[in-house]
Amino acid sequence: SQLREVFGDHKVSAKANARARDSSGKLTLRMSSEIAGGDIYYTIDGTNPDSFMLKYPGAPVVVPEEVYVVKAVAWRNGRLSGRVVSILMRDLIARLQRPRS
């Protein structure tokens, strides 16, 4: 079953599913953007992302246990295309652990 949450405005979303852990049990995060041809840049240290930060590769990324918040933003054609979205890892983990109704 897939859980889907959209954080902040609707430009960037974070998705997780019941198997949102890799083979070693680490939490993974999948992000997407409604902006065609855009890129997502993110941080895991609490700073606001820009186009010099980590670029989301399009595949789930492993999130270290000690991460408190992931911040992401969409860029297109070298320009900021949305607001910074903050994803608290405790909230995402709580959604993963919630039983399906």
Protein backbone atom coordinates (compact mmCIF):
# COMPACT_ATOMS: atom_id res chain seq x y z
CA SER A 1 0.00 0.00 0.00
CA GLN A 2 1.26 3.44 -0.81
CA LEU A 3 1.02 6.44 1.46
CA ARG A 4 1.20 9.79 -0.28
CA GLU A 5 1.71 13.10 1.39
CA VAL A 6 2.12 16.49 -0.22
CA PHE A 7 4.05 18.94 1.89
CA GLY A 8 3.89 22.71 1.52
CA ASP A 9 2.65 23.93 -1.83
CA HIS A 10 1.94 21.34 -4.50
CA LYS A 11 5.19 21.77 -6.43
CA VAL A 12 7.19 19.09 -4.56
CA SER A 13 5.84 16.03 -2.81
CA ALA A 14 7.38 13.25 -0.78
CA LYS A 15 6.14 9.73 -1.14
CA ALA A 16 6.73 6.65 0.92
CA ASN A 17 5.29 3.18 0.87
CA ALA A 18 5.24 0.22 3.21
CA ARG A 19 8.54 -0.96 1.78
CA ALA A 20 10.23 2.44 2.19
CA ARG A 21 13.31 0.79 3.63
CA ASP A 22 16.19 -0.57 1.62
CA SER A 23 17.59 -4.09 1.98
CA SER A 24 19.62 -3.03 5.03
CA GLY A 25 16.53 -1.58 6.77
CA LYS A 26 17.40 2.09 6.21
CA LEU A 27 14.61 4.55 5.50
CA THR A 28 14.35 5.72 1.90
CA LEU A 29 12.55 8.75 0.52
CA ARG A 30 11.07 9.29 -2.91
CA MET A 31 10.30 12.83 -4.10
CA SER A 32 8.52 14.17 -7.14
CA SER A 33 7.64 17.51 -8.67
CA GLU A 34 4.64 18.64 -10.67
CA ILE A 35 6.98 20.84 -12.72
CA ALA A 36 7.77 19.13 -16.03
CA GLY A 37 11.45 19.22 -16.85
CA GLY A 38 12.32 20.49 -13.40
CA ASP A 39 14.87 19.28 -10.88
CA ILE A 40 14.55 18.83 -7.14
CA TYR A 41 17.36 19.94 -4.85
CA TYR A 42 17.34 18.95 -1.21
CA THR A 43 19.23 19.12 2.07
CA ILE A 44 19.36 16.85 5.10
CA ASP A 45 21.11 19.27 7.46
CA GLY A 46 18.26 21.75 8.00
CA THR A 47 19.57 24.42 5.63
CA ASN A 48 17.46 25.74 2.77
CA PRO A 49 18.31 24.06 -0.54
CA ASP A 50 19.40 25.83 -3.68
CA SER A 51 20.77 24.61 -6.99
CA PHE A 52 24.20 23.94 -5.43
CA MET A 53 22.84 21.37 -2.95
CA LEU A 54 22.09 17.69 -3.38
CA LYS A 55 20.18 17.03 -6.61
CA TYR A 56 17.48 14.39 -6.29
CA PRO A 57 18.45 11.56 -8.68
CA GLY A 58 14.89 10.43 -9.42
CA ALA A 59 15.24 7.20 -7.44
CA PRO A 60 14.65 6.67 -3.71
CA VAL A 61 17.45 8.08 -1.54
CA VAL A 62 18.58 6.64 1.79
CA VAL A 63 17.93 8.99 4.71
CA PRO A 64 20.39 8.60 7.61
CA GLU A 65 18.79 7.88 11.00
CA GLU A 66 20.06 11.10 12.56
CA VAL A 67 18.29 13.34 10.01
CA TYR A 68 15.59 15.50 11.60
CA VAL A 69 14.27 17.31 8.53
CA VAL A 70 14.62 17.08 4.76
CA LYS A 71 14.11 20.31 2.87
CA ALA A 72 13.43 20.29 -0.86
CA VAL A 73 12.68 22.77 -3.63
CA ALA A 74 11.98 22.57 -7.36
CA TRP A 75 14.10 24.36 -9.95
CA ARG A 76 13.59 24.62 -13.71
CA ASN A 77 15.83 26.21 -16.32
CA GLY A 78 18.15 27.53 -13.60
CA ARG A 79 15.34 29.31 -11.75
CA LEU A 80 13.57 28.63 -8.49
CA SER A 81 10.11 27.23 -9.28
CA GLY A 82 8.45 26.85 -5.91
CA ARG A 83 8.72 27.28 -2.18
CA VAL A 84 11.00 25.28 0.09
CA VAL A 85 9.20 22.24 1.46
CA SER A 86 10.19 20.92 4.91
CA ILE A 87 9.59 17.25 5.66
CA LEU A 88 9.99 16.25 9.31
CA MET A 89 11.29 12.71 9.34
CA ARG A 90 9.33 11.82 12.50
CA ASP A 91 6.11 12.70 10.67
CA LEU A 92 7.02 10.61 7.65
CA ILE A 93 8.01 7.66 9.85
CA ALA A 94 4.74 7.94 11.80
CA ARG A 95 2.79 7.75 8.54
CA LEU A 96 4.69 4.63 7.50
CA GLN A 97 3.90 2.93 10.80
CA ARG A 98 0.20 3.82 10.77
CA PRO A 99 -1.93 0.72 10.18
CA ARG A 100 -3.90 0.64 6.98
CA SER A 101 -7.63 1.25 7.42
